[in-house]
Amino acid sequence: MTPTTRTAGSWRRFAPLIALAAVTALVFAMGWHKVLSLKTIGLNYDALKGYIADHLVLSLVAYVLAYIAVVALSLPGGLIMTLAGGLLFGWQLGAPATVIGATIGATILFLIARSSLGESLAARAGPSIAKLRAGFQDNAFSYLLFLRLVPAFPFVIVNLAPALLGVKLGTYVAATFLGIIPGTTAYSIAGAGLASVIEGQNKVYKECLAKLAPGSSMTCDYSIDTGQLVTKELVAAFVALGLVALIPVAIKSWSKRHATA
């Protein structure tokens, strides 16, 4: 293989990753990611609900596509999107739409990272990295399920790490799809319960705006604390589910030790 051929092959391999990074940089530079806020959704709540009532299928497709973009580009706002799905569609539709969008977006990122970085890392991996890859691959589904179930790990890291550790596509998709169902459902239900909170905040916000004098430098606060939705009890429940996912790994490890004893 000539140097020119090698260079062309490298560019083809890294082109999707470069394109993804460029689009992400553009989104941040333009400030488009700031649209993903409960304030934006709340102030347009009535208009959005009216449009969804008239164009349900189109609205669901648009929501899934938006979620795919948020996950694939690793933009902040996944929790806001999940809450918005429950708020606007109800959790019965919002949760499945979110799971589908998040799984597809994560898979796109996984494939790009694997083709651009994973193969190169595998070729250059030293003994320690190779051992880590082999250990992770042996129990990939259980490890991934644990990482997906426990919300303590950044979503983008869990999307990228398996690509660098040689996880198979089918295993990745299945663990991602199943692993995000509990959390997505919980937050979608929480989002569905925010309707009265949004309506109350909109009323207070509009009353505040009405009291401001023209040209006033004062502003009206619009805030909904989503941190209160992530309770210790909820996190504990997810950790418990994650530990259940690791039971097969523990049994496998125990069996190996006793088989060689």
Protein backbone atom coordinates (compact mmCIF):
# COMPACT_ATOMS: atom_id res chain seq x y z
CA MET A 1 0.00 0.00 0.00
CA THR A 2 1.46 3.34 -1.06
CA PRO A 3 1.59 6.37 1.29
CA THR A 4 -1.00 8.11 -0.91
CA THR A 5 -3.37 5.16 -0.62
CA ARG A 6 -2.84 5.02 3.15
CA THR A 7 -3.55 8.75 3.47
CA ALA A 8 -6.73 8.47 1.39
CA GLY A 9 -7.88 5.54 3.50
CA SER A 10 -7.24 7.47 6.71
CA TRP A 11 -9.23 10.45 5.47
CA ARG A 12 -12.14 8.21 4.51
CA ARG A 13 -12.05 6.57 7.94
CA PHE A 14 -11.93 9.83 9.86
CA ALA A 15 -14.29 11.81 7.59
CA PRO A 16 -17.51 10.85 9.46
CA LEU A 17 -15.93 11.74 12.83
CA ILE A 18 -14.64 15.07 11.49
CA ALA A 19 -18.05 15.87 9.99
CA LEU A 20 -19.78 15.03 13.27
CA ALA A 21 -17.36 17.20 15.25
CA ALA A 22 -17.81 20.05 12.77
CA VAL A 23 -21.61 19.97 13.03
CA THR A 24 -21.38 19.84 16.84
CA ALA A 25 -19.02 22.83 16.86
CA LEU A 26 -21.40 24.73 14.56
CA VAL A 27 -24.38 24.03 16.83
CA PHE A 28 -22.50 25.35 19.87
CA ALA A 29 -21.08 28.35 17.98
CA MET A 30 -24.55 29.37 16.81
CA GLY A 31 -26.05 28.77 20.24
CA TRP A 32 -28.70 26.43 18.85
CA HIS A 33 -28.23 24.06 21.79
CA LYS A 34 -29.70 26.73 24.07
CA VAL A 35 -33.10 26.11 22.50
CA LEU A 36 -33.22 22.89 24.53
CA SER A 37 -34.60 24.43 27.69
CA LEU A 38 -37.80 24.09 29.68
CA LYS A 39 -38.24 27.85 29.36
CA THR A 40 -38.41 27.62 25.56
CA ILE A 41 -40.73 24.64 25.73
CA GLY A 42 -42.82 26.16 28.50
CA LEU A 43 -43.37 29.51 26.78
CA ASN A 44 -44.47 27.69 23.62
CA TYR A 45 -46.38 24.98 25.47
CA ASP A 46 -49.87 25.87 24.24
CA ALA A 47 -48.74 26.29 20.63
CA LEU A 48 -46.83 22.99 20.71
CA LYS A 49 -49.75 21.09 22.22
CA GLY A 50 -52.09 22.54 19.61
CA TYR A 51 -49.78 21.55 16.75
CA ILE A 52 -49.29 18.04 18.15
CA ALA A 53 -53.04 17.58 18.47
CA ASP A 54 -53.41 18.34 14.74
CA HIS A 55 -50.24 16.57 13.50
CA LEU A 56 -49.47 13.78 15.95
CA VAL A 57 -47.51 11.43 13.66
CA LEU A 58 -45.46 14.24 12.11
CA SER A 59 -44.73 15.66 15.56
CA LEU A 60 -43.56 12.27 16.87
CA VAL A 61 -41.27 11.79 13.87
CA ALA A 62 -39.83 15.29 14.36
CA TYR A 63 -39.27 14.58 18.07
CA VAL A 64 -37.48 11.28 17.35
CA LEU A 65 -35.27 12.95 14.71
CA ALA A 66 -34.44 15.78 17.13
CA TYR A 67 -33.52 13.26 19.83
CA ILE A 68 -31.32 11.35 17.40
CA ALA A 69 -29.47 14.59 16.60
CA VAL A 70 -29.05 15.52 20.28
CA VAL A 71 -27.54 12.13 21.14
CA ALA A 72 -25.42 11.69 18.00
CA LEU A 73 -23.96 15.19 18.39
CA SER A 74 -23.53 14.69 22.17
CA LEU A 75 -25.42 17.90 22.92
CA PRO A 76 -26.54 18.74 26.46
CA GLY A 77 -30.28 18.56 27.01
CA GLY A 78 -31.10 14.86 26.92
CA LEU A 79 -32.99 15.09 30.22
CA ILE A 80 -34.88 18.17 29.00
CA MET A 81 -35.82 16.34 25.80
CA THR A 82 -37.03 13.31 27.75
CA LEU A 83 -39.13 15.46 30.07
CA ALA A 84 -40.49 17.36 27.07
CA GLY A 85 -41.48 14.09 25.41
CA GLY A 86 -43.55 13.11 28.43
CA LEU A 87 -44.94 16.63 28.78
CA LEU A 88 -46.03 17.03 25.16
CA PHE A 89 -46.98 13.48 24.16
CA GLY A 90 -47.75 11.82 27.47
CA TRP A 91 -45.40 9.19 28.82
CA GLN A 92 -47.14 6.37 26.93
CA LEU A 93 -45.96 7.84 23.60
CA GLY A 94 -43.08 9.97 24.84
CA ALA A 95 -41.13 7.14 26.49
CA PRO A 96 -41.08 4.76 23.46
CA ALA A 97 -40.25 7.65 21.10
CA THR A 98 -37.38 8.70 23.36
CA VAL A 99 -36.01 5.15 23.64
CA ILE A 100 -36.06 4.79 19.85
CA GLY A 101 -34.44 8.18 19.22
CA ALA A 102 -31.79 7.73 21.90
CA THR A 103 -30.90 4.22 20.71
CA ILE A 104 -30.55 5.29 17.08
CA GLY A 105 -28.52 8.39 18.01
CA ALA A 106 -26.23 6.38 20.28
CA THR A 107 -25.77 3.73 17.58
CA ILE A 108 -24.78 6.37 15.00
CA LEU A 109 -22.16 7.76 17.38
CA PHE A 110 -20.96 4.23 18.20
CA LEU A 111 -20.51 3.31 14.53
CA ILE A 112 -18.66 6.52 13.71
CA ALA A 113 -16.36 6.16 16.72
CA ARG A 114 -15.73 2.47 16.00
CA SER A 115 -14.86 3.00 12.34
CA SER A 116 -12.70 6.06 13.02
CA LEU A 117 -11.00 5.15 16.29
CA GLY A 118 -11.89 1.64 17.39
CA GLU A 119 -10.09 -0.26 14.62
CA SER A 120 -7.01 1.95 14.93
CA LEU A 121 -6.92 1.44 18.71
CA ALA A 122 -7.26 -2.32 18.31
CA ALA A 123 -4.34 -2.40 15.88
CA ARG A 124 -2.09 -0.39 18.20
CA ALA A 125 -3.31 -1.76 21.53
CA GLY A 126 -0.66 -2.90 23.97
CA PRO A 127 -1.06 -5.93 26.25
CA SER A 128 -2.91 -4.00 28.99
CA ILE A 129 -5.41 -2.43 26.57
CA ALA A 130 -5.88 -5.72 24.76
CA LYS A 131 -6.61 -7.45 28.08
CA LEU A 132 -9.13 -4.73 29.00
CA ARG A 133 -10.85 -5.09 25.62
CA ALA A 134 -11.01 -8.87 25.97
CA GLY A 135 -12.40 -8.69 29.50
CA PHE A 136 -15.06 -6.18 28.52
CA GLN A 137 -16.04 -8.16 25.42
CA ASP A 138 -16.51 -11.36 27.46
CA ASN A 139 -19.29 -9.72 29.48
CA ALA A 140 -20.17 -6.81 27.20
CA PHE A 141 -23.94 -7.09 27.48
CA SER A 142 -23.99 -7.17 31.29
CA TYR A 143 -21.44 -4.37 31.63
CA LEU A 144 -23.26 -2.18 29.12
CA LEU A 145 -26.61 -2.87 30.73
CA PHE A 146 -25.16 -1.81 34.09
CA LEU A 147 -23.72 1.40 32.62
CA ARG A 148 -27.04 2.22 30.94
CA LEU A 149 -29.16 1.52 34.00
CA VAL A 150 -27.08 3.57 36.46
CA PRO A 151 -27.42 7.31 35.67
CA ALA A 152 -24.11 8.13 37.37
CA PHE A 153 -22.19 7.67 34.12
CA PRO A 154 -22.26 10.40 31.40
CA PHE A 155 -24.35 9.22 28.47
CA VAL A 156 -21.76 10.32 25.89
CA ILE A 157 -18.99 8.32 27.61
CA VAL A 158 -21.14 5.20 27.67
CA ASN A 159 -21.83 5.76 23.96
CA LEU A 160 -18.16 6.04 23.02
CA ALA A 161 -16.35 3.60 25.33
CA PRO A 162 -17.87 0.39 23.87
CA ALA A 163 -16.73 1.47 20.39
CA LEU A 164 -13.14 1.65 21.62
CA LEU A 165 -13.44 -1.66 23.47
CA GLY A 166 -14.56 -3.70 20.48
CA VAL A 167 -18.16 -4.37 21.50
CA LYS A 168 -20.29 -5.96 18.79
CA LEU A 169 -22.99 -3.83 17.20
CA GLY A 170 -25.86 -6.18 18.10
CA THR A 171 -24.77 -6.34 21.74
CA TYR A 172 -24.44 -2.57 21.90
CA VAL A 173 -27.88 -1.89 20.40
CA ALA A 174 -29.66 -4.47 22.57
CA ALA A 175 -28.02 -3.31 25.83
CA THR A 176 -28.65 0.33 24.99
CA PHE A 177 -32.29 -0.21 24.07
CA LEU A 178 -33.10 -2.28 27.15
CA GLY A 179 -30.88 -0.35 29.53
CA ILE A 180 -32.43 3.08 28.93
CA ILE A 181 -36.05 1.93 29.21
CA PRO A 182 -36.38 2.25 33.04
CA GLY A 183 -34.81 5.71 33.29
CA THR A 184 -36.55 7.01 30.20
CA THR A 185 -39.93 5.80 31.44
CA ALA A 186 -39.39 7.34 34.89
CA TYR A 187 -38.41 10.75 33.51
CA SER A 188 -41.16 10.66 30.87
CA ILE A 189 -43.73 10.11 33.63
CA ALA A 190 -42.15 12.98 35.56
CA GLY A 191 -42.38 15.15 32.44
CA ALA A 192 -46.05 14.30 31.98
CA GLY A 193 -46.63 15.60 35.51
CA LEU A 194 -45.02 18.97 34.72
CA ALA A 195 -48.04 20.32 32.82
CA SER A 196 -49.52 22.09 35.83
CA VAL A 197 -46.08 23.38 36.84
CA ILE A 198 -45.49 24.80 33.35
CA GLU A 199 -48.91 26.44 33.25
CA GLY A 200 -48.39 27.98 36.69
CA GLN A 201 -44.92 29.27 35.78
CA ASN A 202 -46.24 30.73 32.51
CA LYS A 203 -48.92 32.63 34.42
CA VAL A 204 -46.43 34.05 36.93
CA TYR A 205 -43.98 34.95 34.15
CA LYS A 206 -46.61 36.77 32.07
CA GLU A 207 -47.85 38.68 35.12
CA CYS A 208 -44.28 39.76 35.85
CA LEU A 209 -43.77 40.93 32.26
CA ALA A 210 -46.99 42.95 32.42
CA LYS A 211 -45.72 44.83 35.47
CA LEU A 212 -42.42 45.84 33.88
CA ALA A 213 -42.22 49.41 32.62
CA PRO A 214 -41.33 49.86 28.93
CA GLY A 215 -37.55 49.96 28.51
CA SER A 216 -36.95 48.57 31.98
CA SER A 217 -33.62 46.81 32.52
CA MET A 218 -35.23 44.37 34.94
CA THR A 219 -36.04 40.84 33.83
CA CYS A 220 -38.51 38.21 34.91
CA ASP A 221 -37.25 34.88 36.14
CA TYR A 222 -38.46 31.67 34.51
CA SER A 223 -37.12 28.57 36.17
CA ILE A 224 -38.17 24.99 36.72
CA ASP A 225 -35.81 22.99 38.90
CA THR A 226 -35.34 19.61 37.19
CA GLY A 227 -32.79 18.66 39.85
CA GLN A 228 -35.65 17.85 42.20
CA LEU A 229 -36.74 15.07 39.82
CA VAL A 230 -33.48 13.16 40.30
CA THR A 231 -34.01 11.94 43.87
CA LYS A 232 -31.71 9.73 45.91
CA GLU A 233 -34.39 7.06 45.95
CA LEU A 234 -34.63 7.07 42.15
CA VAL A 235 -30.85 6.81 41.74
CA ALA A 236 -30.76 4.00 44.32
CA ALA A 237 -33.41 2.12 42.35
CA PHE A 238 -31.37 2.42 39.15
CA VAL A 239 -28.21 1.28 40.94
CA ALA A 240 -30.11 -1.76 42.24
CA LEU A 241 -31.21 -2.59 38.70
CA GLY A 242 -27.63 -2.14 37.52
CA LEU A 243 -26.34 -4.56 40.13
CA VAL A 244 -28.88 -7.13 38.98
CA ALA A 245 -27.41 -6.78 35.48
CA LEU A 246 -23.98 -7.70 36.88
CA ILE A 247 -25.17 -10.94 38.49
CA PRO A 248 -24.33 -13.04 35.38
CA VAL A 249 -20.80 -11.59 35.43
CA ALA A 250 -20.37 -12.49 39.10
CA ILE A 251 -21.66 -16.02 38.52
CA LYS A 252 -19.37 -16.46 35.53
CA SER A 253 -16.36 -15.22 37.51
CA TRP A 254 -17.22 -17.46 40.48
CA SER A 255 -17.59 -20.49 38.21
CA LYS A 256 -14.21 -19.88 36.57
CA ARG A 257 -12.44 -19.57 39.93
CA HIS A 258 -13.96 -22.78 41.26
CA ALA A 259 -13.39 -24.65 38.02
CA THR A 260 -9.67 -24.00 38.24
CA ALA A 261 -9.47 -24.57 42.01
